[in-house]
Protein backbone atom coordinates (compact mmCIF):
# COMPACT_ATOMS: atom_id res chain seq x y z
CA UNK A 1 3.55 -8.34 -7.69
CA UNK A 2 1.25 -11.19 -6.51
CA UNK A 3 -1.87 -9.17 -4.32
CA UNK A 4 -0.68 -11.35 -0.56
CA UNK A 5 3.01 -9.84 -1.12
CA UNK A 6 0.71 -6.38 -2.11
CA UNK A 7 -0.76 -7.15 1.61
CA UNK A 8 2.06 -8.56 3.54
CA UNK A 9 5.19 -5.08 2.20
CA UNK A 10 2.44 -2.90 3.54
CA UNK A 11 1.23 -4.95 6.75
CA UNK A 12 3.37 -6.42 8.87
CA UNK A 13 4.57 -2.82 10.99
CA UNK A 14 0.67 -2.15 11.43
CA UNK A 15 0.07 -6.31 12.94
CA UNK A 16 3.01 -5.81 15.23
CA UNK A 17 1.05 -2.82 16.75
CA UNK A 18 -1.48 -4.31 16.45
CA UNK A 19 0.28 -7.77 18.52
CA UNK A 20 1.35 -4.78 21.51
CA UNK A 21 -1.93 -4.64 22.77
CA UNK A 22 -2.50 -8.26 22.76
CA UNK A 23 0.89 -8.95 24.31
CA UNK A 24 0.06 -6.76 27.23
CA UNK A 25 -0.34 -9.03 29.73
CA UNK A 26 2.92 -11.54 29.01
CA UNK A 27 4.69 -10.50 32.03
CA UNK A 28 7.76 -9.88 30.57
CA UNK A 29 6.86 -6.82 28.96
CA UNK A 30 6.27 -3.63 29.95
CA UNK A 31 4.04 -1.01 28.41
CA UNK A 32 4.01 1.67 31.02
CA UNK A 33 5.55 4.29 28.84
CA UNK A 34 2.48 3.53 26.48
CA UNK A 35 0.60 4.93 30.16
CA UNK A 36 1.70 8.14 29.38
CA UNK A 37 -1.48 11.04 28.46
CA UNK A 38 0.96 13.25 27.37
CA UNK A 39 2.22 10.22 24.03
CA UNK A 40 -1.19 10.20 22.17
CA UNK A 41 -0.78 14.19 21.44
CA UNK A 42 3.06 13.75 20.63
CA UNK A 43 2.19 10.97 18.59
CA UNK A 44 -1.09 12.33 16.48
CA UNK A 45 0.09 15.86 15.98
CA UNK A 46 3.20 14.15 14.10
CA UNK A 47 0.73 12.35 11.82
CA UNK A 48 -1.34 15.39 11.37
CA UNK A 49 1.90 17.08 10.44
CA UNK A 50 3.45 15.15 8.09
CA UNK A 51 0.07 14.83 6.65
CA UNK A 52 -0.04 18.20 5.78
CA UNK A 53 3.57 17.73 4.04
CA UNK A 54 2.87 14.92 2.73
CA UNK A 55 -1.30 15.88 0.94
CA UNK A 56 -2.16 13.47 2.96
CA UNK A 57 -5.69 13.95 3.66
CA UNK A 58 -6.66 10.64 4.90
CA UNK A 59 -4.40 10.69 7.66
CA UNK A 60 -4.83 14.02 8.37
CA UNK A 61 -8.65 13.58 8.80
CA UNK A 62 -7.58 10.29 11.51
CA UNK A 63 -5.43 11.92 13.10
CA UNK A 64 -7.56 15.11 14.11
CA UNK A 65 -10.44 13.13 14.54
CA UNK A 66 -8.51 10.62 17.13
CA UNK A 67 -7.33 13.77 18.73
CA UNK A 68 -10.54 15.79 18.81
CA UNK A 69 -11.86 12.42 21.50
CA UNK A 70 -9.47 11.12 23.17
CA UNK A 71 -9.09 15.91 23.91
CA UNK A 72 -12.73 16.41 24.81
CA UNK A 73 -12.27 13.11 26.86
CA UNK A 74 -9.26 13.57 28.48
CA UNK A 75 -11.40 17.49 28.93
CA UNK A 76 -14.54 15.62 30.02
CA UNK A 77 -16.33 17.56 28.30
CA UNK A 78 -17.44 14.85 26.34
CA UNK A 79 -18.67 11.94 28.84
CA UNK A 80 -16.70 9.41 29.12
CA UNK A 81 -19.25 6.71 29.65
CA UNK A 82 -20.16 6.86 26.30
CA UNK A 83 -16.59 5.59 25.72
CA UNK A 84 -17.08 2.14 23.37
CA UNK A 85 -19.67 5.01 21.41
CA UNK A 86 -17.44 7.08 20.45
CA UNK A 87 -15.08 4.97 18.89
CA UNK A 88 -18.17 3.10 17.16
CA UNK A 89 -18.21 6.45 15.72
CA UNK A 90 -14.66 6.64 14.90
CA UNK A 91 -14.19 3.47 13.40
CA UNK A 92 -17.75 4.50 10.71
CA UNK A 93 -15.43 7.38 9.64
CA UNK A 94 -12.17 5.99 9.14
CA UNK A 95 -13.87 3.70 6.43
CA UNK A 96 -14.89 6.36 5.04
CA UNK A 97 -12.00 8.03 4.79
CA UNK A 98 -10.90 4.93 3.35
CA UNK A 99 -13.54 5.05 0.35
CA UNK A 100 -11.81 8.59 -0.62
CA UNK A 101 -8.19 9.60 -2.32
CA UNK A 102 -5.36 11.48 -0.49
CA UNK A 103 -5.37 15.66 -1.82
CA UNK A 104 -5.06 18.18 0.28
CA UNK A 105 -6.28 18.54 3.91
CA UNK A 106 -7.51 23.08 3.38
CA UNK A 107 -8.98 21.26 -0.50
CA UNK A 108 -13.31 21.31 -0.60
CA UNK A 109 -12.82 18.14 0.25
CA UNK A 110 -10.84 18.47 3.84
CA UNK A 111 -13.03 21.29 4.82
CA UNK A 112 -16.08 19.48 3.45
CA UNK A 113 -14.54 17.03 6.50
CA UNK A 114 -13.57 18.68 8.62
CA UNK A 115 -16.71 20.35 8.90
CA UNK A 116 -19.36 17.15 9.38
CA UNK A 117 -16.89 16.35 12.18
CA UNK A 118 -17.34 19.51 14.10
CA UNK A 119 -21.25 18.67 13.48
CA UNK A 120 -20.32 15.09 15.22
CA UNK A 121 -18.91 16.55 17.91
CA UNK A 122 -21.75 19.16 18.87
CA UNK A 123 -24.11 16.58 18.33
CA UNK A 124 -22.73 14.54 20.29
CA UNK A 125 -21.87 17.59 22.82
CA UNK A 126 -26.00 18.49 22.89
CA UNK A 127 -27.15 15.29 23.30
CA UNK A 128 -25.20 13.64 26.16
CA UNK A 129 -26.48 17.24 27.55
CA UNK A 130 -29.69 17.16 27.71
CA UNK A 131 -30.35 13.73 27.33
CA UNK A 132 -27.43 11.54 29.48
CA UNK A 133 -25.26 9.25 28.37
CA UNK A 134 -25.60 7.80 25.57
CA UNK A 135 -24.78 3.92 25.77
CA UNK A 136 -28.14 2.58 27.14
CA UNK A 137 -30.10 4.91 24.38
CA UNK A 138 -28.30 3.77 21.29
CA UNK A 139 -28.22 0.09 22.81
CA UNK A 140 -29.81 -3.21 20.82
CA UNK A 141 -31.81 -5.17 23.04
CA UNK A 142 -33.24 -7.49 20.02
CA UNK A 143 -30.70 -9.47 19.20
CA UNK A 144 -29.76 -12.92 18.89
CA UNK A 145 -29.99 -15.30 22.20
CA UNK A 146 -26.55 -17.04 21.39
CA UNK A 147 -25.38 -12.93 20.54
CA UNK A 148 -27.26 -11.43 24.06
CA UNK A 149 -25.72 -14.51 26.68
CA UNK A 150 -21.99 -12.64 26.02
CA UNK A 151 -21.29 -10.30 27.78
CA UNK A 152 -18.25 -8.92 26.20
CA UNK A 153 -20.98 -7.79 23.12
CA UNK A 154 -22.48 -5.20 25.56
CA UNK A 155 -23.10 -2.59 24.26
CA UNK A 156 -23.83 -3.37 20.89
CA UNK A 157 -24.01 -0.88 18.71
CA UNK A 158 -20.45 0.08 18.56
CA UNK A 159 -19.55 -3.44 18.55
CA UNK A 160 -21.79 -3.75 15.26
CA UNK A 161 -20.44 -0.24 14.04
CA UNK A 162 -16.64 -1.61 14.46
CA UNK A 163 -16.57 -4.63 13.07
CA UNK A 164 -19.17 -3.12 9.76
CA UNK A 165 -16.48 -0.71 9.04
CA UNK A 166 -13.78 -3.48 9.39
CA UNK A 167 -15.46 -5.19 6.68
CA UNK A 168 -16.52 -2.36 4.48
CA UNK A 169 -12.62 -0.68 5.28
CA UNK A 170 -11.29 -4.44 4.94
CA UNK A 171 -13.21 -4.70 0.50
CA UNK A 172 -11.81 -0.84 -0.06
CA UNK A 173 -7.72 -2.50 1.19
CA UNK A 174 -8.93 -5.64 -1.09
CA UNK A 175 -8.82 -3.36 -4.07
CA UNK A 176 -7.28 -0.09 -3.45
CA UNK A 177 -3.91 -1.78 -1.99
CA UNK A 178 -1.64 0.65 -0.21
CA UNK A 179 0.15 1.98 3.39
CA UNK A 180 -2.28 4.59 3.89
CA UNK A 181 -6.07 2.03 3.42
CA UNK A 182 -3.64 -0.57 5.66
CA UNK A 183 -3.30 2.43 8.78
CA UNK A 184 -6.78 3.30 9.30
CA UNK A 185 -7.34 0.12 8.48
CA UNK A 186 -5.63 -0.96 11.71
CA UNK A 187 -6.64 1.87 13.32
CA UNK A 188 -10.71 0.11 13.01
CA UNK A 189 -8.88 -3.01 13.97
CA UNK A 190 -8.11 -1.12 17.25
CA UNK A 191 -11.53 0.95 17.94
CA UNK A 192 -12.17 -2.75 17.30
CA UNK A 193 -10.34 -4.26 20.41
CA UNK A 194 -10.54 -1.43 22.22
CA UNK A 195 -14.70 -1.90 22.35
CA UNK A 196 -13.92 -6.02 23.25
CA UNK A 197 -12.07 -5.91 25.05
CA UNK A 198 -11.88 -2.41 26.55
CA UNK A 199 -8.35 -1.20 26.20
CA UNK A 200 -7.92 2.30 28.65
CA UNK A 201 -7.91 5.60 26.13
CA UNK A 202 -4.35 6.96 26.72
CA UNK A 203 -2.73 3.35 25.84
CA UNK A 204 -4.99 2.67 22.16
CA UNK A 205 -4.80 6.40 20.71
CA UNK A 206 -0.92 6.59 21.80
CA UNK A 207 -0.98 3.53 19.32
CA UNK A 208 -2.81 5.10 17.04
CA UNK A 209 -0.95 7.44 16.36
CA UNK A 210 1.56 5.39 15.80
CA UNK A 211 -0.35 2.86 13.20
CA UNK A 212 -0.91 6.48 11.64
CA UNK A 213 2.28 7.41 11.53
CA UNK A 214 3.64 3.99 10.06
CA UNK A 215 0.95 4.80 7.00
CA UNK A 216 2.68 7.89 6.22
CA UNK A 217 6.45 6.56 6.64
CA UNK A 218 5.23 2.99 4.79
CA UNK A 219 3.94 5.89 2.00
CA UNK A 220 6.87 7.98 1.58
CA UNK A 221 9.22 4.87 1.26
CA UNK A 222 7.13 3.83 -1.59
CA UNK A 223 6.80 7.18 -3.40
CA UNK A 224 10.91 6.77 -3.16
CA UNK A 225 11.41 3.31 -4.31
CA UNK A 226 8.66 2.42 -5.32
CA UNK A 227 8.00 2.69 -9.25
CA UNK A 228 3.67 3.84 -9.79
CA UNK A 229 2.92 1.99 -12.81
CA UNK A 230 5.22 -1.42 -12.34
CA UNK A 231 4.48 -1.79 -9.31
CA UNK A 232 8.35 -2.80 -8.98
CA UNK A 233 11.21 -1.53 -7.05
CA UNK A 234 12.75 1.69 -9.29
CA UNK A 235 16.15 2.37 -9.81
CA UNK A 236 17.09 4.01 -6.63
CA UNK A 237 16.49 0.95 -5.31
CA UNK A 238 18.53 -1.14 -7.87
CA UNK A 239 21.36 0.80 -6.44
CA UNK A 240 20.39 1.06 -2.99
CA UNK A 241 20.52 -2.63 -3.83
CA UNK A 242 23.82 -3.08 -5.14
CA UNK A 243 25.85 -2.08 -2.05
CA UNK A 244 25.32 -5.73 -0.97
CA UNK A 245 24.24 -7.64 -3.24
CA UNK A 246 25.70 -10.62 -2.11
CA UNK A 247 28.61 -13.51 -3.61
CA UNK A 248 27.32 -15.00 -6.17
CA UNK A 249 24.37 -13.70 -8.18
CA UNK A 250 23.87 -12.95 -11.91
CA UNK A 251 21.97 -9.55 -13.57
CA UNK A 252 19.68 -9.65 -16.52
CA UNK A 253 19.30 -6.68 -18.06
CA UNK A 254 15.47 -6.89 -19.62
CA UNK A 255 14.42 -3.93 -22.44
CA UNK A 256 11.35 -4.48 -24.58
CA UNK A 257 11.82 -4.66 -27.91
CA UNK A 258 10.46 -1.76 -29.98
CA UNK A 259 9.11 -0.16 -27.59
CA UNK A 260 8.76 3.55 -28.90
CA UNK A 261 8.24 2.27 -32.37
CA UNK A 262 4.96 0.86 -30.51
CA UNK A 263 4.09 4.58 -28.31
CA UNK A 264 4.27 6.48 -31.59
CA UNK A 265 1.93 4.15 -33.40
CA UNK A 266 -1.07 3.20 -30.46
CA UNK A 267 -0.06 6.22 -27.54
CA UNK A 268 1.10 6.28 -24.24
CA UNK A 269 -1.13 4.61 -22.90
CA UNK A 270 -0.88 2.11 -24.61
CA UNK A 271 2.35 2.14 -23.69
CA UNK A 272 1.62 1.72 -19.59
CA UNK A 273 -0.38 -1.36 -20.66
CA UNK A 274 2.93 -3.14 -22.16
CA UNK A 275 4.95 -2.11 -19.10
CA UNK A 276 2.67 -3.65 -16.47
CA UNK A 277 2.41 -6.09 -18.79
CA UNK A 278 5.75 -7.29 -19.06
CA UNK A 279 6.59 -6.42 -14.81
CA UNK A 280 3.78 -8.84 -14.36
CA UNK A 281 5.31 -11.53 -16.35
CA UNK A 282 8.75 -11.32 -15.19
CA UNK A 283 7.30 -10.86 -11.81
CA UNK A 284 5.29 -14.21 -12.47
CA UNK A 285 7.96 -16.18 -14.33
CA UNK A 286 11.24 -15.20 -12.22
CA UNK A 287 12.24 -16.32 -8.57
CA UNK A 288 14.90 -12.64 -8.59
CA UNK A 289 14.26 -9.51 -7.53
CA UNK A 290 13.31 -6.96 -9.99
CA UNK A 291 13.38 -3.56 -10.41
CA UNK A 292 12.56 -0.64 -13.08
CA UNK A 293 16.10 0.58 -15.20
CA UNK A 294 14.57 3.47 -16.71
CA UNK A 295 11.74 3.96 -19.43
CA UNK A 296 11.00 -0.03 -21.35
CA UNK A 297 14.18 -1.47 -19.35
CA UNK A 298 13.86 -3.51 -15.44
CA UNK A 299 16.24 -5.62 -14.16
CA UNK A 300 16.20 -8.62 -12.80
CA UNK A 301 18.56 -9.71 -9.73
CA UNK A 302 19.08 -13.53 -9.63
CA UNK A 303 21.10 -15.35 -6.79
CA UNK A 304 22.37 -17.96 -6.75
CA UNK A 305 26.12 -20.23 -8.65
CA UNK A 306 23.65 -22.00 -11.56
CA UNK A 307 23.95 -19.57 -14.83
CA UNK A 308 22.99 -21.40 -16.85
CA UNK A 309 19.09 -21.78 -14.20
CA UNK A 310 18.77 -18.59 -15.05
CA UNK A 311 19.24 -18.73 -18.03
CA UNK A 312 16.36 -20.96 -18.50
CA UNK A 313 14.57 -19.20 -16.67
CA UNK A 314 14.86 -15.67 -18.53
CA UNK A 315 14.54 -17.66 -21.64
CA UNK A 316 10.30 -18.82 -19.28
CA UNK A 317 9.81 -15.33 -19.06
CA UNK A 318 10.88 -14.35 -22.99
CA UNK A 319 8.94 -17.08 -24.10
CA UNK A 320 5.66 -15.54 -21.63
CA UNK A 321 5.98 -12.47 -23.19
CA UNK A 322 5.88 -13.67 -26.37
CA UNK A 323 2.98 -16.43 -26.20
CA UNK A 324 0.91 -13.27 -24.04
CA UNK A 325 -2.01 -12.76 -25.70
CA UNK A 326 -1.88 -8.72 -25.86
CA UNK A 327 -5.23 -6.56 -27.04
CA UNK A 328 -6.00 -3.02 -27.72
CA UNK A 329 -8.61 -2.27 -25.15
CA UNK A 330 -9.79 1.63 -26.14
CA UNK A 331 -9.03 3.87 -29.26
CA UNK A 332 -6.01 5.81 -29.55
CA UNK A 333 -2.85 7.23 -31.16
CA UNK A 334 -1.88 5.53 -34.42
CA UNK A 335 0.88 6.70 -36.83
CA UNK A 336 0.79 10.35 -38.72
CA UNK A 337 1.14 13.58 -38.04
CA UNK A 338 -0.73 14.59 -36.01
CA UNK A 339 -3.64 12.26 -36.29
CA UNK A 340 -6.02 10.80 -34.35
CA UNK A 341 -9.06 8.50 -34.34
CA UNK A 342 -11.54 6.50 -32.10
CA UNK A 343 -12.38 3.44 -33.13
CA UNK A 344 -12.81 0.21 -31.00
CA UNK A 345 -10.00 -2.33 -31.56
CA UNK A 346 -10.62 -4.47 -28.52
CA UNK A 347 -10.29 -7.44 -31.25
CA UNK A 348 -6.73 -5.70 -32.33
CA UNK A 349 -3.43 -7.68 -30.85
CA UNK A 350 -0.32 -6.65 -30.88
CA UNK A 351 2.61 -8.70 -30.37
CA UNK A 352 5.39 -7.76 -27.71
CA UNK A 353 9.09 -9.64 -27.26
CA UNK A 354 11.77 -8.06 -25.19
CA UNK A 355 15.49 -8.85 -25.53
CA UNK A 356 17.77 -9.78 -22.64
CA UNK A 357 21.62 -9.49 -21.46
CA UNK A 358 22.70 -11.95 -18.45
CA UNK A 359 25.91 -11.89 -16.94
CA UNK A 360 26.98 -13.49 -13.46
CA UNK A 361 29.22 -12.52 -11.27
CA UNK A 362 32.13 -14.25 -11.15
CA UNK A 363 36.66 -13.69 -11.44
CA UNK A 364 36.43 -11.72 -14.49
CA UNK A 365 33.18 -9.59 -13.40
CA UNK A 366 34.24 -8.73 -10.02
CA UNK A 367 32.01 -5.67 -8.99
CA UNK A 368 27.74 -5.67 -9.22
CA UNK A 369 29.18 -2.04 -11.47
CA UNK A 370 30.69 -4.20 -13.87
CA UNK A 371 28.30 -6.93 -13.98
CA UNK A 372 25.71 -4.87 -14.53
CA UNK A 373 28.33 -3.29 -17.76
CA UNK A 374 28.70 -7.09 -18.39
CA UNK A 375 24.71 -7.55 -18.62
CA UNK A 376 24.19 -4.52 -20.68
CA UNK A 377 26.73 -5.51 -23.48
CA UNK A 378 24.89 -8.60 -23.34
CA UNK A 379 21.75 -7.07 -24.00
CA UNK A 380 22.98 -5.48 -27.21
CA UNK A 381 24.78 -8.22 -28.44
CA UNK A 382 21.03 -9.67 -27.66
CA UNK A 383 19.86 -7.25 -29.77
CA UNK A 384 22.12 -6.33 -32.38
CA UNK A 385 21.02 -10.95 -33.00
CA UNK A 386 17.79 -9.97 -34.14
CA UNK A 387 15.87 -9.48 -30.57
CA UNK A 388 13.33 -11.60 -28.62
CA UNK A 389 15.97 -13.51 -27.97
CA UNK A 390 18.65 -14.15 -24.25
CA UNK A 391 22.44 -13.55 -24.67
CA UNK A 392 24.98 -14.24 -22.20
CA UNK A 393 27.94 -13.04 -21.38
CA UNK A 394 30.41 -15.18 -19.75
C-alpha cells in the first residue's frame, strides 16, 4: 500500500477530532459538553485501562501524563500561570514516547518512565514553590524581531518545544506509520494549538482523551482485520467484505508457485520477503481490493462488469511479479536435512511466479461463495496448465 494511503487510513479520524477545536467558533456547533470537568478524567482513565488490555505502554504513559497534569492543575498543586509551559513539556514527553515500541506498562521500561514522569512533577512543584511562576523564567529574550512582533508567540519557549516535538513525531510517523503513532502525533499537534490559541484546559484534555482512545481502537482494528506481515487486509476482513459485495464484481485467487519448496530451500525469512513483494506488486498494479486469504494465497476483488479488463489487469500483475528482480539479501537455510550455513548471497536472484484464477458474478455464479469457489477452480486449472498463468472460469 502506498505510504500516503497508510497515512489516510490511520489519520482521518484523529484529523476530524483535531478540527473540533478550530470549529468551536462556528455558531451552529455546540461544544459545551467538552467543558464538563469530569469528562477528561473519564476519557483518560478509559484510555489507560484500554492500554493495559492492549499492552500499549505508549498510550498508557500518555494517558497517565495527561491525567497527572490535569489533576494537579485542577487541584491547584501546580500553578495555572505556567499552563503553556506544561503543554510544551507534555509535547516533548509524547515525542519521546513515540520513539519507543509498545510493551507492558509494568515492564522495566514502563516503570522507568513512571519514575521519570514523577521526577518531572516533583521538579516543577519544587521550582514553583521557591521561584513562583516559571513562564517568565523560561522565556526567550533573544528571538528575531519578526518573531517577537507576533504576540501569539509569547512566551515563545513552550511553543518552540511543541514545534520541535511535532517535527520529531512527524519524522517518526513517516518511518513507522500506525494508529498509535498517529494518536501521539495528534496529541502533540493539539498541545501546539493549545499554546498558540490559549485553548482552555478542560476541552483540550477531553479532545486528547478522545485521540488516545481512538488510537487504541485503530490498533485493535489493525490487529483484527490487517495482515501484519504484508500490510494488506486479512481473511477475516474478506469475509466481512463479502457480506455486501455489490452486484457487479469479479474475484481473483492468486497463489505463489512452488512457495513451499522456496521456504524449504531458502528459509522462512526469504519466504516472508516473497510474500511482501507479491502483495506490493498486486496492490500497485491493480484497482481492486486485496486480501491475504491464507498462507501464500491472496484474493483480489475487482469491481465492474468488464471481465476482459479484469483479465488484462491480472496479466499485468503476473508479468510484473515474474519480471521482478528478487534478490536474496542475507544468508540462511538451504536444502538438506539440518543443514545451515551463512554466506553472502546478495548477488543471487530467485524467480517468483504466480498462478491466478478469475471468476465473475453472473447468471451461473450468483452468490459470493459460488464466485469464490469458481475462482478457486480456475486457479487449480492454471496450476495444472503449467503455472505462471491466468485462468478464467467463464
